[in-house]
């Protein structure tokens, strides 16, 4: 979880860095001088976001006849209250709900907003920029090609982030705020009513979690695909390996 959070914050800070580096090119050195501080800040924020899970996630095992099932389950403090209308005892988890709401906002909605605004301003700035002076046609074509490549890269990064994270955020919102299916459960000979999710939810949540991790995997390849310097460095590295 910690590395996943750090990956999202890194994408957000990269968007801010590109924003200041392109829109305010004269002040780009301000960000470069503080690169180490930015990295420390990213990891510090990531630790703060992931820290509660140290206390409220527990490793569980269930031994079946032919296999052992293991998983990490939530152990957030719960509140039991009696519904005055039905007389049912309802088990609720407001702390867990508040935490996952914070996670959705901090790791999806805010980064989406920041990246969308930053990249939109960058695209407008690049698109409206004029090639200065009496440059020859070849230079103009080169500048135009470079701008188009940057614009496409920004759109791809944002689109992939939204596609990879939307299922996980949707599953969290569904489980904590939309789903309302109380079922009667026997707990130590006492019948209580708690929220039971549909059978399709667990495999979908697993898929959504792996998809969110896939975003961290694919991002370096996206940047590499649009970065000529990275490609040249990779070729030199590969050639140096085969030269021995």
Protein backbone atom coordinates (compact mmCIF):
# COMPACT_ATOMS: atom_id res chain seq x y z
CA UNK A 1 0.00 0.00 0.00
CA UNK A 2 2.81 2.40 0.87
CA UNK A 3 4.45 2.15 -2.55
CA UNK A 4 1.06 2.46 -4.25
CA UNK A 5 0.38 5.72 -2.40
CA UNK A 6 3.88 6.98 -3.20
CA UNK A 7 3.32 6.23 -6.89
CA UNK A 8 0.17 8.37 -7.00
CA UNK A 9 1.80 11.26 -5.15
CA UNK A 10 4.80 11.03 -7.49
CA UNK A 11 2.53 11.36 -10.54
CA UNK A 12 0.90 14.40 -8.93
CA UNK A 13 4.21 16.07 -8.13
CA UNK A 14 5.49 15.33 -11.65
CA UNK A 15 2.42 17.13 -13.02
CA UNK A 16 3.18 20.13 -10.81
CA UNK A 17 6.85 20.05 -11.82
CA UNK A 18 5.96 20.02 -15.52
CA UNK A 19 3.45 22.81 -14.94
CA UNK A 20 6.04 25.14 -13.38
CA UNK A 21 8.76 24.00 -15.79
CA UNK A 22 6.72 24.80 -18.93
CA UNK A 23 4.28 27.52 -17.90
CA UNK A 24 6.82 29.35 -15.71
CA UNK A 25 10.00 28.30 -17.51
CA UNK A 26 12.10 31.07 -15.94
CA UNK A 27 11.41 29.68 -12.46
CA UNK A 28 11.97 26.00 -13.29
CA UNK A 29 15.22 25.96 -11.29
CA UNK A 30 13.13 26.56 -8.16
CA UNK A 31 11.73 23.03 -8.44
CA UNK A 32 15.05 21.44 -9.49
CA UNK A 33 16.91 22.75 -6.42
CA UNK A 34 14.32 21.15 -4.19
CA UNK A 35 14.07 17.74 -5.85
CA UNK A 36 15.40 15.95 -2.76
CA UNK A 37 12.92 17.77 -0.52
CA UNK A 38 10.10 16.79 -2.87
CA UNK A 39 11.08 13.11 -2.70
CA UNK A 40 11.20 13.18 1.10
CA UNK A 41 7.82 14.95 1.19
CA UNK A 42 6.27 12.33 -1.12
CA UNK A 43 7.36 9.46 1.12
CA UNK A 44 6.37 11.31 4.28
CA UNK A 45 2.85 11.91 2.97
CA UNK A 46 2.67 8.29 1.80
CA UNK A 47 3.58 7.01 5.26
CA UNK A 48 0.93 9.24 6.85
CA UNK A 49 -1.78 7.96 4.49
CA UNK A 50 -0.86 4.28 4.87
CA UNK A 51 -0.04 4.40 8.60
CA UNK A 52 -3.53 3.49 9.97
CA UNK A 53 -3.44 0.18 8.09
CA UNK A 54 -0.62 -0.99 10.37
CA UNK A 55 -3.12 -1.12 13.21
CA UNK A 56 -6.33 -2.03 11.39
CA UNK A 57 -5.18 -4.74 8.97
CA UNK A 58 -4.73 -8.28 10.24
CA UNK A 59 -3.33 -11.40 8.62
CA UNK A 60 -5.84 -14.27 8.69
CA UNK A 61 -5.65 -17.95 7.82
CA UNK A 62 -8.36 -20.54 7.31
CA UNK A 63 -7.29 -24.17 6.98
CA UNK A 64 -9.47 -26.22 4.68
CA UNK A 65 -9.21 -29.90 3.91
CA UNK A 66 -6.87 -29.54 0.95
CA UNK A 67 -5.58 -25.97 1.21
CA UNK A 68 -4.88 -23.03 3.49
CA UNK A 69 -6.58 -19.75 2.62
CA UNK A 70 -4.80 -16.58 3.75
CA UNK A 71 -5.81 -12.95 3.47
CA UNK A 72 -5.55 -9.54 5.14
CA UNK A 73 -8.79 -8.36 6.69
CA UNK A 74 -9.96 -5.09 8.22
CA UNK A 75 -10.13 -4.82 12.01
CA UNK A 76 -11.48 -1.29 12.31
CA UNK A 77 -13.38 -0.51 15.51
CA UNK A 78 -17.10 -1.08 15.06
CA UNK A 79 -20.20 0.34 16.70
CA UNK A 80 -23.29 -1.72 17.47
CA UNK A 81 -26.55 0.16 17.69
CA UNK A 82 -30.19 -0.81 17.75
CA UNK A 83 -32.52 0.45 15.06
CA UNK A 84 -35.50 2.02 16.92
CA UNK A 85 -37.87 1.21 14.05
CA UNK A 86 -37.03 -2.47 13.53
CA UNK A 87 -35.35 -3.35 16.81
CA UNK A 88 -32.41 -4.85 14.88
CA UNK A 89 -28.84 -4.58 16.15
CA UNK A 90 -26.76 -2.97 13.41
CA UNK A 91 -22.97 -3.18 13.23
CA UNK A 92 -21.39 -0.08 11.70
CA UNK A 93 -17.78 0.97 10.97
CA UNK A 94 -17.67 4.79 10.79
CA UNK A 95 -13.88 4.90 11.27
CA UNK A 96 -13.27 2.61 8.30
CA UNK A 97 -15.75 4.55 6.19
CA UNK A 98 -14.06 7.86 7.03
CA UNK A 99 -10.61 6.47 6.24
CA UNK A 100 -11.57 5.03 2.86
CA UNK A 101 -13.36 8.26 1.98
CA UNK A 102 -10.13 10.11 2.75
CA UNK A 103 -8.18 7.59 0.63
CA UNK A 104 -10.52 8.08 -2.34
CA UNK A 105 -10.20 11.86 -2.12
CA UNK A 106 -6.44 11.95 -1.48
CA UNK A 107 -5.42 9.27 -3.98
CA UNK A 108 -7.90 9.78 -6.80
CA UNK A 109 -10.09 12.88 -6.85
CA UNK A 110 -7.44 15.41 -5.78
CA UNK A 111 -4.69 13.95 -8.04
CA UNK A 112 -7.17 13.83 -10.94
CA UNK A 113 -8.07 17.47 -10.38
CA UNK A 114 -4.45 18.61 -10.01
CA UNK A 115 -3.22 16.65 -13.05
CA UNK A 116 -6.19 17.69 -15.19
CA UNK A 117 -5.73 21.40 -14.46
CA UNK A 118 -1.93 21.27 -14.76
CA UNK A 119 -1.94 19.30 -18.01
CA UNK A 120 -4.73 21.41 -19.51
CA UNK A 121 -2.77 24.61 -18.86
CA UNK A 122 0.39 22.97 -20.24
CA UNK A 123 -1.42 21.86 -23.41
CA UNK A 124 -2.89 25.33 -23.95
CA UNK A 125 0.54 26.91 -23.35
CA UNK A 126 2.30 24.59 -25.79
CA UNK A 127 -0.42 24.81 -28.40
CA UNK A 128 -0.51 28.60 -28.39
CA UNK A 129 3.26 29.13 -28.20
CA UNK A 130 4.85 30.70 -31.26
CA UNK A 131 8.20 29.67 -32.71
CA UNK A 132 10.34 32.85 -32.34
CA UNK A 133 12.25 34.66 -35.04
CA UNK A 134 13.00 33.72 -38.61
CA UNK A 135 13.51 30.01 -38.04
CA UNK A 136 13.62 27.71 -41.04
CA UNK A 137 10.80 25.33 -41.83
CA UNK A 138 12.72 22.32 -40.49
CA UNK A 139 12.99 23.87 -37.03
CA UNK A 140 9.30 24.74 -37.00
CA UNK A 141 8.35 21.18 -37.92
CA UNK A 142 10.64 19.83 -35.20
CA UNK A 143 9.12 22.12 -32.57
CA UNK A 144 5.59 21.21 -33.65
CA UNK A 145 6.38 17.50 -33.55
CA UNK A 146 7.87 17.80 -30.05
CA UNK A 147 4.82 19.69 -28.76
CA UNK A 148 2.43 17.11 -30.17
CA UNK A 149 4.43 14.32 -28.55
CA UNK A 150 4.32 16.03 -25.16
CA UNK A 151 0.58 16.69 -25.46
CA UNK A 152 -0.12 13.06 -26.40
CA UNK A 153 2.02 11.84 -23.48
CA UNK A 154 0.15 14.02 -20.98
CA UNK A 155 -3.23 12.83 -22.25
CA UNK A 156 -2.10 9.18 -22.11
CA UNK A 157 -0.74 9.51 -18.55
CA UNK A 158 -3.96 11.05 -17.26
CA UNK A 159 -6.21 8.62 -19.16
CA UNK A 160 -4.29 5.55 -17.94
CA UNK A 161 -4.39 6.84 -14.35
CA UNK A 162 -8.17 7.31 -14.47
CA UNK A 163 -8.76 3.93 -16.13
CA UNK A 164 -6.54 2.05 -13.67
CA UNK A 165 -7.82 3.69 -10.50
CA UNK A 166 -11.53 4.16 -11.25
CA UNK A 167 -12.50 0.50 -10.56
CA UNK A 168 -10.81 0.48 -7.13
CA UNK A 169 -12.28 3.82 -6.10
CA UNK A 170 -15.68 2.71 -7.37
CA UNK A 171 -15.49 -0.52 -5.38
CA UNK A 172 -14.58 1.35 -2.19
CA UNK A 173 -17.40 3.85 -2.62
CA UNK A 174 -19.85 1.04 -3.38
CA UNK A 175 -18.85 -0.99 -0.33
CA UNK A 176 -18.84 1.90 2.13
CA UNK A 177 -21.57 4.24 0.93
CA UNK A 178 -23.84 2.77 -1.75
CA UNK A 179 -24.27 -0.89 -0.86
CA UNK A 180 -26.93 -1.46 1.79
CA UNK A 181 -27.70 -5.14 2.18
CA UNK A 182 -28.05 -6.01 5.87
CA UNK A 183 -28.20 -9.70 6.60
CA UNK A 184 -28.78 -11.69 9.76
CA UNK A 185 -25.57 -13.31 11.00
CA UNK A 186 -25.08 -15.73 13.91
CA UNK A 187 -22.20 -14.41 16.01
CA UNK A 188 -21.49 -16.33 19.23
CA UNK A 189 -25.15 -17.43 19.49
CA UNK A 190 -26.24 -13.79 19.18
CA UNK A 191 -27.95 -12.72 15.98
CA UNK A 192 -26.80 -9.37 14.67
CA UNK A 193 -27.35 -7.54 11.39
CA UNK A 194 -24.32 -6.47 9.38
CA UNK A 195 -23.51 -5.47 5.83
CA UNK A 196 -22.87 -8.41 3.48
CA UNK A 197 -21.49 -7.70 0.01
CA UNK A 198 -22.57 -9.49 -3.13
CA UNK A 199 -20.59 -12.53 -4.33
CA UNK A 200 -19.19 -10.67 -7.34
CA UNK A 201 -17.61 -7.98 -5.16
CA UNK A 202 -14.57 -9.89 -3.86
CA UNK A 203 -13.16 -10.98 -7.25
CA UNK A 204 -13.91 -7.53 -8.67
CA UNK A 205 -12.06 -5.85 -5.80
CA UNK A 206 -9.04 -8.11 -6.35
CA UNK A 207 -9.06 -7.19 -10.03
CA UNK A 208 -9.38 -3.48 -9.16
CA UNK A 209 -6.43 -3.64 -6.75
CA UNK A 210 -4.18 -5.34 -9.30
CA UNK A 211 -5.26 -2.79 -11.92
CA UNK A 212 -4.25 0.07 -9.60
CA UNK A 213 -0.84 -1.56 -9.12
CA UNK A 214 -0.59 -1.99 -12.89
CA UNK A 215 -0.69 1.80 -13.19
CA UNK A 216 2.60 1.99 -11.29
CA UNK A 217 4.05 -0.66 -13.60
CA UNK A 218 3.01 0.95 -16.89
CA UNK A 219 3.97 4.57 -16.10
CA UNK A 220 7.75 4.15 -16.65
CA UNK A 221 7.07 2.60 -20.06
CA UNK A 222 4.79 5.51 -20.99
CA UNK A 223 7.47 8.05 -20.09
CA UNK A 224 10.12 5.97 -21.87
CA UNK A 225 8.01 5.69 -25.01
CA UNK A 226 7.85 9.46 -25.38
CA UNK A 227 11.42 10.26 -24.24
CA UNK A 228 14.14 10.06 -26.91
CA UNK A 229 16.94 10.52 -24.38
CA UNK A 230 15.70 7.52 -22.42
CA UNK A 231 15.57 5.42 -25.59
CA UNK A 232 19.12 6.41 -26.57
CA UNK A 233 20.41 5.64 -23.09
CA UNK A 234 18.72 2.24 -23.17
CA UNK A 235 20.27 1.42 -26.56
CA UNK A 236 23.74 2.37 -25.30
CA UNK A 237 23.24 0.20 -22.23
CA UNK A 238 22.12 -2.81 -24.30
CA UNK A 239 25.00 -2.37 -26.76
CA UNK A 240 27.48 -2.17 -23.88
CA UNK A 241 26.21 -5.50 -22.55
CA UNK A 242 26.69 -7.25 -25.89
CA UNK A 243 30.07 -5.65 -26.52
CA UNK A 244 31.74 -7.80 -23.88
